[in-house]
Amino acid sequence: MKPNPSTAVAATIATASASQAQAKAPGLVRVLGLKESIGMTIGTVVGVGIFTCGSAQVGLVGPWIIVFTFLSLLVSIWPCMIYGEMAAVLPEAGGTYNYAKRGLNKVWAIIAGWQYIISVVGIGAGETLAFSNYFKILMSALGVDISMIDDRVIACSLVAIFLVINCLGIKQSGKVQNGFIFFFWGMTILWFCYMIPHVHLAYFGGFTMDKMPPFNEMMYIFGLVWWCYTGFETCCSVGGETKFPQYTLPRALKLSVFLVFAVNALFQWFLVALVSPDFYGTLAVSDAPYAEGLKAAGLVGAPIILLCIAITFGGDLSTINPGIAAPARYIYTMAEDHSLPKFLGKISPRFNTPNNAILLVGIINFILIATNSITYIASVSLISLAVCYMIGCLAYLGLKKKYPDLKRPYKAPMGVFGSWFTIVVYAFMLCFADRMALITAAIIGVASLVYFFLYTRGHKDVMPTLEEEIGEIDEPTVKERLHIDREYKIWAWGTAAVTVVALAIYLIPILF
């Protein structure tokens, strides 16, 4: 029997139409460079931690806060390099979820994904509450009383604004992020210079303390200071939207962790130098330790106005933006993988953004903001991210074993040992975390497992090859390579300089 010509033509047209539709199907686009990757990462990390719970610990340990900050840097460097290696190999949206899916299995991947989403959304929610606190202080300093407005109303309004920004596309979000970050750094330098005449080196007291807190309390303090570093792998979450990720992501990770240390150390130095130990009790319980500390020291007016402008419109806003973008990419990737409902993986054809995932992040934000407790949110966030990072390190070991011949554009030095070291340190740290927050993180873990067995396990997906999942990663042209290398050198020298300054400034009270 001869085939019907019209049927054959129709089939050909249908096939061509399907191919054309597939080619035009909306997806993530690679538009972020080194500057945006660093901005997204720095923004996530530098914000709610340092300006709330993290620096409040100055009220308990005084100038010894630098020791806790430096130790936090040391236990963050290795995982940054480990994530840099994995990000260069698997440069796609979803970060730890994708690393665990291939290095371990889908169960571990889902646990990591849920913990990350809750944690980073928690960072953003805590940041909106921190914004509310500092914004009210700023308005009060300007003579405008808005104390009657509930912090949660301000916080939820802010989330709504950033939901719109993120729905307009990652390129737009990246531009906005750069603006917030550079504004924050500019205002920070201005504030530092303005406050130099007011510092009291005697407040450092030769770094002596009458009595150190008990070991359990010191570990709890260390956990809250380490929280000021969490989110260091944010650029991995948007790996599917990063240009030349095999170079950009490892470089962004290596630089960001030292920039975070420098910002933390410098701000903490000024807090110690400006506020008398007599007011440490106020700092220890404050949700806005810098503003409260300046008030206690009698430094009102311009010092508080400059500080609050830097924190609210720079530090806080630069955290809220990636606090929505990063977890949304996890949700999108998990939905694409049948680990979350499929509709959450829908991409906007106009803006190439996972809008449904972004809206879900907004809903979780509203729920967390309703608790109105930055300390509780901080504790849950640091525990969930520590769990996520430990799974990430296990995934690194699994990827080494399962894909020994995989091309690795960047290799973390002593990565295997670093993974085990990180797992042990983070597990030990969690032993001293807030018990209620630990229970919350455990509930999240159980809920993710229940979800897996009731929903995800029923989808028998075939694991795509790396080529199918990631696609072809372009290599930069000679001209482009020269440009990105030159940009990296500028950032590297700048990072080295501010890191040295942040360490050296603590020698001044000892020498003089």
Foldseek 3Di string as FASTA:
>chain_A
DDDDPVVVVVVVVVVVVVVVCVVLAFAAAADDFLLLLLLLQLLQQQFQLLQFQQLLCCLAQPPCSLVLLVVLLVLQQLLLLLQLQVCLQQLAAARLLVLLCQLPNNLLSLLLLLLQLLQLLLSLLLLLLLLLVLVQVLCVLVVHHPVVDDSLVSSLVLLVVLLVQQLQAPVSLSVLSSVLAVLLVVLVVVLVVVCVVQFALCLCVLSDDPDHDDPLVVLQSSLSNSSSNPSLQLSSNHSLHHASSSPSSSLSSNLNSLVSSLVSLVVSNSLSRRAHSVCSVVSNPDRRNVLVRCVNSVNGRPSSNSVSCSRNSHNSSSNNNSSLVRSLSNQLVCLVLQLDPVLQVRADSVHNGSSSSSVVSSVSSSVSSVVVDSVLSSLLSSLSSLSSSLSSLSSSVSCCVVPVPRDGSRDRVVSNVSSVVSNVVSVVSVVSTDPVSVVVSVVSSVVSSVSCVVTVVVDPDDDDDSCVVSNDRDDDDPVVVVVSVVVSVVSVVVSVVSSVVSVVVVCVSVVD
